[in-house]
Each structure stands twice: as structure tokens, then as C-alpha cells.
Amino acid sequence: GFRTCILTNNWVDDSPGRFLTAALLARLRSHFDLVLESCRIGIAKPDPGIYSYALEALRAQPQEV
């Protein structure tokens, strides 16, 4: 009954090692309902907007998390 989410504070990785980062995120995605990357949604921690975005994406209220 629980939905799970990872909220990252990262950047688009265009380095030669980006395949390791992509592999890690792909592995994490299989264990969580939602993976939110700050670089993809355009909001970074500690901006409160990123938490509002995550709550909306999870369809949850602050008191539920």
C-alpha cells in the first residue's frame, strides 16, 4: 500500500562515466514507484517547489509522507 519515491539533486551527466550513472538510476527505478531527478524537472533542493512537485507526482499530502 505504500508508494515510494527517490528525489535526487543531480545534473545531466555527459561525462565518459555517464553509463554508470544511467545504470544506477535504471536499477533504482525497478525498486521504486517514482524517481525524480532535479535536472529533469528543473527544480533543485532545497527549493520547496521540488517537494511540492514530488507530492503532486505521488498524489500525496504532506502529512502522509
C-alpha atoms as a PDB file:
ATOM      1  CA  GLY A   1       0.000   0.000   0.000  1.00  0.00           C
ATOM      2  CA  PHE A   2       2.956   2.392   0.143  1.00  0.00           C
ATOM      3  CA  ARG A   3       4.249   4.312  -2.866  1.00  0.00           C
ATOM      4  CA  THR A   4       7.967   5.044  -2.823  1.00  0.00           C
ATOM      5  CA  CYS A   5       9.989   7.815  -4.436  1.00  0.00           C
ATOM      6  CA  ILE A   6      13.608   8.839  -4.815  1.00  0.00           C
ATOM      7  CA  LEU A   7      14.197  12.565  -5.127  1.00  0.00           C
ATOM      8  CA  THR A   8      17.668  13.320  -6.478  1.00  0.00           C
ATOM      9  CA  ASN A   9      19.564  16.563  -6.638  1.00  0.00           C
ATOM     10  CA  ASN A  10      21.722  15.939  -9.681  1.00  0.00           C
ATOM     11  CA  TRP A  11      22.711  17.285 -13.066  1.00  0.00           C
ATOM     12  CA  VAL A  12      22.673  15.870 -16.588  1.00  0.00           C
ATOM     13  CA  ASP A  13      25.785  13.740 -16.763  1.00  0.00           C
ATOM     14  CA  ASP A  14      27.555  13.993 -20.115  1.00  0.00           C
ATOM     15  CA  SER A  15      30.877  12.697 -18.830  1.00  0.00           C
ATOM     16  CA  PRO A  16      32.507   9.477 -20.066  1.00  0.00           C
ATOM     17  CA  GLY A  17      31.247   7.764 -16.878  1.00  0.00           C
ATOM     18  CA  ARG A  18      27.600   8.619 -17.560  1.00  0.00           C
ATOM     19  CA  PHE A  19      26.808   4.990 -18.298  1.00  0.00           C
ATOM     20  CA  LEU A  20      27.455   4.106 -14.657  1.00  0.00           C
ATOM     21  CA  THR A  21      25.084   6.826 -13.504  1.00  0.00           C
ATOM     22  CA  ALA A  22      22.459   5.698 -16.013  1.00  0.00           C
ATOM     23  CA  ALA A  23      22.846   2.078 -14.917  1.00  0.00           C
ATOM     24  CA  LEU A  24      22.434   3.041 -11.259  1.00  0.00           C
ATOM     25  CA  LEU A  25      19.295   5.063 -11.955  1.00  0.00           C
ATOM     26  CA  ALA A  26      17.867   2.258 -14.097  1.00  0.00           C
ATOM     27  CA  ARG A  27      18.432  -0.202 -11.271  1.00  0.00           C
ATOM     28  CA  LEU A  28      16.836   2.143  -8.743  1.00  0.00           C
ATOM     29  CA  ARG A  29      13.799   2.672 -10.969  1.00  0.00           C
ATOM     30  CA  SER A  30      12.989  -1.022 -10.731  1.00  0.00           C
ATOM     31  CA  HIS A  31      12.729  -0.776  -6.909  1.00  0.00           C
ATOM     32  CA  PHE A  32      10.748   2.469  -6.565  1.00  0.00           C
ATOM     33  CA  ASP A  33       7.458   3.745  -7.914  1.00  0.00           C
ATOM     34  CA  LEU A  34       8.966   7.058  -8.905  1.00  0.00           C
ATOM     35  CA  VAL A  35      12.437   8.516  -9.455  1.00  0.00           C
ATOM     36  CA  LEU A  36      12.537  12.300  -9.733  1.00  0.00           C
ATOM     37  CA  GLU A  37      15.760  13.920 -10.916  1.00  0.00           C
ATOM     38  CA  SER A  38      16.192  17.636 -10.245  1.00  0.00           C
ATOM     39  CA  CYS A  39      17.919  18.090 -13.601  1.00  0.00           C
ATOM     40  CA  ARG A  40      14.875  16.681 -15.419  1.00  0.00           C
ATOM     41  CA  ILE A  41      12.183  18.624 -13.585  1.00  0.00           C
ATOM     42  CA  GLY A  42      14.107  21.902 -13.386  1.00  0.00           C
ATOM     43  CA  ILE A  43      13.907  22.374  -9.632  1.00  0.00           C
ATOM     44  CA  ALA A  44      16.727  21.645  -7.179  1.00  0.00           C
ATOM     45  CA  LYS A  45      16.810  21.007  -3.445  1.00  0.00           C
ATOM     46  CA  PRO A  46      16.372  22.896  -1.121  1.00  0.00           C
ATOM     47  CA  ASP A  47      13.764  24.793  -3.203  1.00  0.00           C
ATOM     48  CA  PRO A  48      10.418  23.926  -1.556  1.00  0.00           C
ATOM     49  CA  GLY A  49       8.933  23.589  -5.042  1.00  0.00           C
ATOM     50  CA  ILE A  50      10.714  20.293  -5.580  1.00  0.00           C
ATOM     51  CA  TYR A  51       8.910  18.797  -2.591  1.00  0.00           C
ATOM     52  CA  SER A  52       5.566  20.120  -3.820  1.00  0.00           C
ATOM     53  CA  TYR A  53       6.338  18.581  -7.212  1.00  0.00           C
ATOM     54  CA  ALA A  54       7.124  15.219  -5.592  1.00  0.00           C
ATOM     55  CA  LEU A  55       3.923  15.297  -3.527  1.00  0.00           C
ATOM     56  CA  GLU A  56       1.851  16.053  -6.606  1.00  0.00           C
ATOM     57  CA  ALA A  57       3.574  13.306  -8.615  1.00  0.00           C
ATOM     58  CA  LEU A  58       2.881  10.824  -5.804  1.00  0.00           C
ATOM     59  CA  ARG A  59      -0.654  12.164  -5.309  1.00  0.00           C
ATOM     60  CA  ALA A  60       0.100  12.519  -1.603  1.00  0.00           C
ATOM     61  CA  GLN A  61      -0.435  15.094   1.124  1.00  0.00           C
ATOM     62  CA  PRO A  62       2.447  16.340   3.304  1.00  0.00           C
ATOM     63  CA  GLN A  63       1.034  14.649   6.401  1.00  0.00           C
ATOM     64  CA  GLU A  64       1.019  11.284   4.548  1.00  0.00           C
ATOM     65  CA  VAL A  65       4.756  11.176   3.905  1.00  0.00           C
END
